[in-house]
């Protein structure tokens, strides 16, 4: 049996009831949390470098080397970024011709905008 209820924030959430007991209900704290573990790591890393927490916005002003390059910025020489790990799934072909789903880590680094400079500054 499924039912809906309104959470603290006014959005509908669903829970499954088995034998009269809720099996899965997200707590208000978890529902309110919009950050991922990676975002927490990024904030902690750049905070340790002396950047104010309010100046750190993951996915807005912390990006990869290539992302900054596409925006016309270059990471300054000698700067170190925050390493993040994402696990990606892909299909691997086996010797017998079949395919198997495999999960592998993918590592990348993000840099804060204060660690970058304009690629072609206006003269």
C-alpha atoms as a PDB file:
ATOM      1  CA  UNK A   1       0.000   0.000   0.000  1.00  0.00           C
ATOM      2  CA  UNK A   2       1.356   3.437  -0.928  1.00  0.00           C
ATOM      3  CA  UNK A   3       0.326   6.764   0.516  1.00  0.00           C
ATOM      4  CA  UNK A   4       1.504  10.370   0.218  1.00  0.00           C
ATOM      5  CA  UNK A   5       2.084  12.893   2.916  1.00  0.00           C
ATOM      6  CA  UNK A   6       3.222  16.482   2.981  1.00  0.00           C
ATOM      7  CA  UNK A   7       6.646  16.993   4.476  1.00  0.00           C
ATOM      8  CA  UNK A   8       7.777  19.944   6.554  1.00  0.00           C
ATOM      9  CA  UNK A   9       8.736  21.778   3.362  1.00  0.00           C
ATOM     10  CA  UNK A  10       5.397  21.322   1.598  1.00  0.00           C
ATOM     11  CA  UNK A  11       6.589  18.808  -0.981  1.00  0.00           C
ATOM     12  CA  UNK A  12       4.922  15.462  -1.342  1.00  0.00           C
ATOM     13  CA  UNK A  13       6.877  12.374  -0.401  1.00  0.00           C
ATOM     14  CA  UNK A  14       5.879   8.746  -0.759  1.00  0.00           C
ATOM     15  CA  UNK A  15       6.281   5.934   1.704  1.00  0.00           C
ATOM     16  CA  UNK A  16       5.566   2.258   1.384  1.00  0.00           C
ATOM     17  CA  UNK A  17       3.646   0.580   4.155  1.00  0.00           C
ATOM     18  CA  UNK A  18       4.077  -3.120   4.821  1.00  0.00           C
ATOM     19  CA  UNK A  19       2.098  -4.795   7.595  1.00  0.00           C
ATOM     20  CA  UNK A  20       0.945  -1.395   8.867  1.00  0.00           C
ATOM     21  CA  UNK A  21       4.520  -0.086   9.407  1.00  0.00           C
ATOM     22  CA  UNK A  22       6.283   2.587   7.314  1.00  0.00           C
ATOM     23  CA  UNK A  23       9.210   0.976   5.505  1.00  0.00           C
ATOM     24  CA  UNK A  24      10.814   4.029   3.937  1.00  0.00           C
ATOM     25  CA  UNK A  25      10.305   7.612   5.143  1.00  0.00           C
ATOM     26  CA  UNK A  26      12.890  10.323   4.683  1.00  0.00           C
ATOM     27  CA  UNK A  27      13.493  12.458   7.705  1.00  0.00           C
ATOM     28  CA  UNK A  28      13.008  16.210   7.419  1.00  0.00           C
ATOM     29  CA  UNK A  29      16.723  16.689   8.022  1.00  0.00           C
ATOM     30  CA  UNK A  30      17.663  14.439   5.117  1.00  0.00           C
ATOM     31  CA  UNK A  31      15.061  15.956   2.813  1.00  0.00           C
ATOM     32  CA  UNK A  32      16.278  19.462   3.625  1.00  0.00           C
ATOM     33  CA  UNK A  33      19.892  18.575   2.930  1.00  0.00           C
ATOM     34  CA  UNK A  34      20.696  19.600  -0.612  1.00  0.00           C
ATOM     35  CA  UNK A  35      24.433  19.002  -0.488  1.00  0.00           C
ATOM     36  CA  UNK A  36      26.102  15.814  -1.582  1.00  0.00           C
ATOM     37  CA  UNK A  37      29.124  14.307   0.142  1.00  0.00           C
ATOM     38  CA  UNK A  38      31.257  15.695  -2.684  1.00  0.00           C
ATOM     39  CA  UNK A  39      29.967  19.209  -2.100  1.00  0.00           C
ATOM     40  CA  UNK A  40      30.768  18.922   1.607  1.00  0.00           C
ATOM     41  CA  UNK A  41      34.296  17.832   0.712  1.00  0.00           C
ATOM     42  CA  UNK A  42      34.737  20.743  -1.713  1.00  0.00           C
ATOM     43  CA  UNK A  43      33.564  23.271   0.882  1.00  0.00           C
ATOM     44  CA  UNK A  44      35.837  21.823   3.583  1.00  0.00           C
ATOM     45  CA  UNK A  45      38.849  21.722   1.231  1.00  0.00           C
ATOM     46  CA  UNK A  46      38.595  25.316   0.032  1.00  0.00           C
ATOM     47  CA  UNK A  47      37.708  26.542   3.530  1.00  0.00           C
ATOM     48  CA  UNK A  48      41.003  25.017   4.720  1.00  0.00           C
ATOM     49  CA  UNK A  49      42.767  27.046   2.011  1.00  0.00           C
ATOM     50  CA  UNK A  50      41.397  30.223   3.592  1.00  0.00           C
ATOM     51  CA  UNK A  51      38.465  30.884   1.273  1.00  0.00           C
ATOM     52  CA  UNK A  52      35.340  32.057   3.104  1.00  0.00           C
ATOM     53  CA  UNK A  53      32.528  29.489   3.147  1.00  0.00           C
ATOM     54  CA  UNK A  54      30.034  31.941   1.633  1.00  0.00           C
ATOM     55  CA  UNK A  55      32.405  32.344  -1.352  1.00  0.00           C
ATOM     56  CA  UNK A  56      32.384  28.595  -2.092  1.00  0.00           C
ATOM     57  CA  UNK A  57      29.561  27.448  -4.339  1.00  0.00           C
ATOM     58  CA  UNK A  58      30.080  23.926  -5.729  1.00  0.00           C
ATOM     59  CA  UNK A  59      29.224  23.653  -9.439  1.00  0.00           C
ATOM     60  CA  UNK A  60      29.041  27.467  -9.676  1.00  0.00           C
ATOM     61  CA  UNK A  61      32.496  28.784  -8.797  1.00  0.00           C
ATOM     62  CA  UNK A  62      34.337  25.472  -8.335  1.00  0.00           C
ATOM     63  CA  UNK A  63      34.881  23.620 -11.598  1.00  0.00           C
ATOM     64  CA  UNK A  64      37.292  21.305 -13.381  1.00  0.00           C
ATOM     65  CA  UNK A  65      40.267  22.536 -15.413  1.00  0.00           C
ATOM     66  CA  UNK A  66      38.435  21.899 -18.695  1.00  0.00           C
ATOM     67  CA  UNK A  67      35.237  23.596 -17.481  1.00  0.00           C
ATOM     68  CA  UNK A  68      37.186  26.748 -16.565  1.00  0.00           C
ATOM     69  CA  UNK A  69      38.936  26.635 -19.939  1.00  0.00           C
ATOM     70  CA  UNK A  70      35.548  26.550 -21.734  1.00  0.00           C
ATOM     71  CA  UNK A  71      34.532  29.650 -19.754  1.00  0.00           C
ATOM     72  CA  UNK A  72      37.632  31.552 -20.879  1.00  0.00           C
ATOM     73  CA  UNK A  73      39.619  31.105 -17.673  1.00  0.00           C
ATOM     74  CA  UNK A  74      42.832  29.213 -16.939  1.00  0.00           C
ATOM     75  CA  UNK A  75      43.968  27.665 -13.668  1.00  0.00           C
ATOM     76  CA  UNK A  76      47.020  29.536 -12.409  1.00  0.00           C
ATOM     77  CA  UNK A  77      50.327  27.703 -12.342  1.00  0.00           C
ATOM     78  CA  UNK A  78      51.042  25.843  -9.101  1.00  0.00           C
ATOM     79  CA  UNK A  79      47.433  25.700  -7.906  1.00  0.00           C
ATOM     80  CA  UNK A  80      46.114  22.472  -6.397  1.00  0.00           C
ATOM     81  CA  UNK A  81      42.502  21.405  -6.708  1.00  0.00           C
ATOM     82  CA  UNK A  82      40.195  19.284  -4.606  1.00  0.00           C
ATOM     83  CA  UNK A  83      40.148  15.664  -5.817  1.00  0.00           C
ATOM     84  CA  UNK A  84      36.731  14.055  -6.084  1.00  0.00           C
ATOM     85  CA  UNK A  85      35.805  10.473  -6.883  1.00  0.00           C
ATOM     86  CA  UNK A  86      32.736   9.351  -8.794  1.00  0.00           C
ATOM     87  CA  UNK A  87      31.900   5.727  -9.455  1.00  0.00           C
ATOM     88  CA  UNK A  88      30.741   5.149 -13.024  1.00  0.00           C
ATOM     89  CA  UNK A  89      29.061   2.064 -14.442  1.00  0.00           C
ATOM     90  CA  UNK A  90      29.960   0.743 -17.854  1.00  0.00           C
ATOM     91  CA  UNK A  91      29.692  -2.466 -19.859  1.00  0.00           C
ATOM     92  CA  UNK A  92      32.839  -4.549 -20.203  1.00  0.00           C
ATOM     93  CA  UNK A  93      33.162  -7.145 -22.962  1.00  0.00           C
ATOM     94  CA  UNK A  94      34.328 -10.513 -21.721  1.00  0.00           C
ATOM     95  CA  UNK A  95      36.451 -13.016 -23.658  1.00  0.00           C
ATOM     96  CA  UNK A  96      33.420 -15.203 -24.345  1.00  0.00           C
ATOM     97  CA  UNK A  97      31.683 -12.270 -26.102  1.00  0.00           C
ATOM     98  CA  UNK A  98      29.201 -11.491 -23.329  1.00  0.00           C
ATOM     99  CA  UNK A  99      29.022  -8.181 -21.519  1.00  0.00           C
ATOM    100  CA  UNK A 100      29.213  -7.506 -17.810  1.00  0.00           C
ATOM    101  CA  UNK A 101      28.304  -4.309 -15.972  1.00  0.00           C
ATOM    102  CA  UNK A 102      31.327  -3.007 -14.075  1.00  0.00           C
ATOM    103  CA  UNK A 103      31.682  -0.088 -11.679  1.00  0.00           C
ATOM    104  CA  UNK A 104      34.968   1.798 -11.705  1.00  0.00           C
ATOM    105  CA  UNK A 105      36.199   4.953  -9.948  1.00  0.00           C
ATOM    106  CA  UNK A 106      36.648   8.153 -11.947  1.00  0.00           C
ATOM    107  CA  UNK A 107      38.837  10.821 -10.360  1.00  0.00           C
ATOM    108  CA  UNK A 108      38.754  14.515 -11.136  1.00  0.00           C
ATOM    109  CA  UNK A 109      39.860  17.784  -9.551  1.00  0.00           C
ATOM    110  CA  UNK A 110      37.938  21.009  -9.104  1.00  0.00           C
ATOM    111  CA  UNK A 111      39.421  24.471  -8.707  1.00  0.00           C
ATOM    112  CA  UNK A 112      37.938  27.592  -7.111  1.00  0.00           C
ATOM    113  CA  UNK A 113      37.509  30.709  -9.241  1.00  0.00           C
ATOM    114  CA  UNK A 114      40.117  32.492  -7.080  1.00  0.00           C
ATOM    115  CA  UNK A 115      42.658  29.971  -8.398  1.00  0.00           C
ATOM    116  CA  UNK A 116      41.992  31.010 -11.997  1.00  0.00           C
ATOM    117  CA  UNK A 117      42.722  33.985 -14.247  1.00  0.00           C
ATOM    118  CA  UNK A 118      41.162  35.209 -17.465  1.00  0.00           C
ATOM    119  CA  UNK A 119      42.567  33.334 -20.464  1.00  0.00           C
ATOM    120  CA  UNK A 120      42.798  36.441 -22.653  1.00  0.00           C
ATOM    121  CA  UNK A 121      42.501  39.482 -20.380  1.00  0.00           C
ATOM    122  CA  UNK A 122      41.305  42.654 -22.085  1.00  0.00           C
ATOM    123  CA  UNK A 123      44.148  45.099 -22.619  1.00  0.00           C
END
